């Protein structure tokens, strides 16, 4: 992977906004051939795009290098996740003092309470489940349909 070093969270977010995009319709067709699998940060950088879980994992990978506390992925689900599209979302998170912050598809949001973080990540939807992932718990190359197990357990 290209060696990247960011001076702070704002620098990371600016990079993501300039160099990484959310997967468009044409790219989505190509991703379907792989079962919409969860890409590594290197694969996301190489491709220049990803779904929310790809972008969140990319951000989390680089948040760790900034020595921030409590860097995790947050998964929130609503509705019938795994069967219905647009029924879940991933963001990368970290804490400073008692406040939460998240990077949502390249955009920094916060400071937030835990309730505010959940509301932001779910985009005000009624959450049926949420789950935290440490960096070493990310299930790279797991297909999207396989992610429905997150509503029950881990990889």
Protein backbone atom coordinates (compact mmCIF):
# COMPACT_ATOMS: atom_id res chain seq x y z
CA UNK A 1 0.00 0.00 0.00
CA UNK A 2 1.13 3.53 -0.74
CA UNK A 3 2.71 4.91 2.44
CA UNK A 4 0.38 7.55 3.78
CA UNK A 5 0.96 9.74 6.82
CA UNK A 6 -1.61 12.18 8.08
CA UNK A 7 -0.91 15.05 10.46
CA UNK A 8 -4.32 14.87 12.09
CA UNK A 9 -7.92 13.72 11.61
CA UNK A 10 -8.80 16.71 9.43
CA UNK A 11 -5.91 15.86 7.10
CA UNK A 12 -7.15 12.26 6.84
CA UNK A 13 -10.70 13.40 6.05
CA UNK A 14 -9.51 15.85 3.41
CA UNK A 15 -7.53 13.06 1.75
CA UNK A 16 -10.56 10.77 1.78
CA UNK A 17 -12.82 13.46 0.31
CA UNK A 18 -10.33 14.18 -2.47
CA UNK A 19 -9.11 10.66 -3.31
CA UNK A 20 -11.81 8.19 -2.25
CA UNK A 21 -15.45 8.14 -3.25
CA UNK A 22 -18.50 6.12 -2.35
CA UNK A 23 -19.03 3.38 -4.93
CA UNK A 24 -21.13 4.55 -7.92
CA UNK A 25 -23.56 2.44 -9.97
CA UNK A 26 -20.98 1.28 -12.52
CA UNK A 27 -18.49 0.35 -9.78
CA UNK A 28 -21.31 -1.40 -7.89
CA UNK A 29 -21.83 -3.74 -10.88
CA UNK A 30 -18.15 -4.68 -10.77
CA UNK A 31 -18.29 -5.16 -6.98
CA UNK A 32 -21.22 -7.55 -7.42
CA UNK A 33 -18.85 -9.97 -9.15
CA UNK A 34 -16.94 -10.26 -5.84
CA UNK A 35 -20.09 -10.53 -3.73
CA UNK A 36 -19.62 -6.96 -2.46
CA UNK A 37 -16.79 -8.12 -0.22
CA UNK A 38 -15.13 -6.01 2.45
CA UNK A 39 -11.94 -4.56 0.97
CA UNK A 40 -8.70 -3.99 2.83
CA UNK A 41 -7.51 -0.37 3.19
CA UNK A 42 -4.91 -1.04 0.47
CA UNK A 43 -7.61 -2.31 -1.92
CA UNK A 44 -9.82 0.71 -1.19
CA UNK A 45 -6.92 3.07 -1.87
CA UNK A 46 -6.01 1.20 -5.07
CA UNK A 47 -9.60 1.28 -6.34
CA UNK A 48 -10.25 4.87 -5.22
CA UNK A 49 -13.73 3.97 -3.99
CA UNK A 50 -15.66 1.75 -1.63
CA UNK A 51 -18.84 1.14 0.28
CA UNK A 52 -19.29 2.53 3.81
CA UNK A 53 -17.59 -0.52 5.36
CA UNK A 54 -14.56 -0.11 3.07
CA UNK A 55 -14.25 3.62 3.74
CA UNK A 56 -14.72 3.13 7.49
CA UNK A 57 -12.00 0.47 7.60
CA UNK A 58 -9.65 2.72 5.60
CA UNK A 59 -10.23 5.58 8.06
CA UNK A 60 -9.82 3.31 11.08
CA UNK A 61 -6.52 1.97 9.77
CA UNK A 62 -5.15 5.51 9.59
CA UNK A 63 -6.74 6.72 12.84
CA UNK A 64 -4.64 4.14 14.65
CA UNK A 65 -1.46 5.81 13.40
CA UNK A 66 -2.61 9.10 14.94
CA UNK A 67 -2.52 7.58 18.45
CA UNK A 68 -6.15 8.39 19.17
CA UNK A 69 -7.95 6.64 22.00
CA UNK A 70 -10.61 4.02 21.51
CA UNK A 71 -10.44 3.76 17.72
CA UNK A 72 -13.16 1.36 16.59
CA UNK A 73 -15.62 0.65 13.82
CA UNK A 74 -19.26 1.13 14.65
CA UNK A 75 -21.88 -0.91 12.81
CA UNK A 76 -25.54 0.09 13.12
CA UNK A 77 -28.48 -1.78 11.61
CA UNK A 78 -32.15 -1.01 11.22
CA UNK A 79 -34.92 -2.85 9.47
CA UNK A 80 -34.08 -6.20 7.94
CA UNK A 81 -30.29 -5.96 7.59
CA UNK A 82 -28.77 -8.46 5.17
CA UNK A 83 -32.02 -8.85 3.25
CA UNK A 84 -33.03 -5.27 2.52
CA UNK A 85 -30.59 -2.81 0.99
CA UNK A 86 -29.77 0.39 2.85
CA UNK A 87 -30.50 -1.13 6.26
CA UNK A 88 -27.12 -0.71 7.94
CA UNK A 89 -24.08 1.53 8.07
CA UNK A 90 -20.44 1.52 9.22
CA UNK A 91 -18.42 4.47 10.52
CA UNK A 92 -14.99 4.72 12.12
CA UNK A 93 -14.96 6.21 15.60
CA UNK A 94 -12.63 7.55 18.26
CA UNK A 95 -12.96 9.29 21.61
CA UNK A 96 -11.45 12.44 23.04
CA UNK A 97 -12.22 13.04 26.69
CA UNK A 98 -15.86 11.98 27.07
CA UNK A 99 -16.82 12.86 23.49
CA UNK A 100 -17.22 10.58 20.49
CA UNK A 101 -16.24 11.47 16.94
CA UNK A 102 -16.85 9.56 13.75
CA UNK A 103 -15.62 9.60 10.19
CA UNK A 104 -18.63 8.91 8.00
CA UNK A 105 -17.60 8.27 4.38
CA UNK A 106 -14.74 10.74 4.77
CA UNK A 107 -16.57 13.41 6.77
CA UNK A 108 -15.70 14.14 10.41
CA UNK A 109 -18.66 14.45 12.76
CA UNK A 110 -18.54 15.35 16.43
CA UNK A 111 -18.19 15.97 19.28
CA UNK A 112 -21.09 13.64 20.10
CA UNK A 113 -22.52 11.77 23.05
CA UNK A 114 -22.96 8.02 22.59
CA UNK A 115 -26.65 8.61 21.84
CA UNK A 116 -25.69 11.33 19.34
CA UNK A 117 -23.14 9.05 17.70
CA UNK A 118 -25.72 6.29 17.24
CA UNK A 119 -28.23 8.79 15.87
CA UNK A 120 -25.65 10.21 13.46
CA UNK A 121 -24.42 6.80 12.28
CA UNK A 122 -27.97 5.54 11.69
CA UNK A 123 -29.04 8.80 10.09
CA UNK A 124 -31.89 9.08 12.59
CA UNK A 125 -33.30 5.61 11.90
CA UNK A 126 -34.56 3.30 14.64
CA UNK A 127 -31.58 1.03 15.35
CA UNK A 128 -32.27 -2.66 15.93
CA UNK A 129 -28.65 -3.47 16.80
CA UNK A 130 -25.26 -1.84 16.99
CA UNK A 131 -21.85 -3.44 17.31
CA UNK A 132 -18.30 -2.23 17.90
CA UNK A 133 -15.31 -3.71 16.06
CA UNK A 134 -11.69 -3.35 17.09
CA UNK A 135 -9.23 -3.04 14.19
CA UNK A 136 -8.17 -6.70 14.46
CA UNK A 137 -11.80 -7.86 14.33
CA UNK A 138 -12.54 -6.61 10.81
CA UNK A 139 -13.58 -9.46 8.52
CA UNK A 140 -11.84 -8.45 5.29
CA UNK A 141 -13.15 -10.17 2.14
CA UNK A 142 -16.41 -11.12 3.84
CA UNK A 143 -19.28 -10.63 1.39
CA UNK A 144 -22.09 -8.21 2.18
CA UNK A 145 -24.65 -10.98 2.65
CA UNK A 146 -22.32 -12.59 5.18
CA UNK A 147 -22.43 -9.42 7.24
CA UNK A 148 -25.93 -10.25 8.44
CA UNK A 149 -24.23 -12.37 11.11
CA UNK A 150 -23.15 -9.11 12.75
CA UNK A 151 -26.66 -8.70 14.08
CA UNK A 152 -25.99 -11.89 16.08
CA UNK A 153 -22.24 -12.35 16.61
CA UNK A 154 -18.74 -11.70 15.22
CA UNK A 155 -16.77 -13.34 12.39
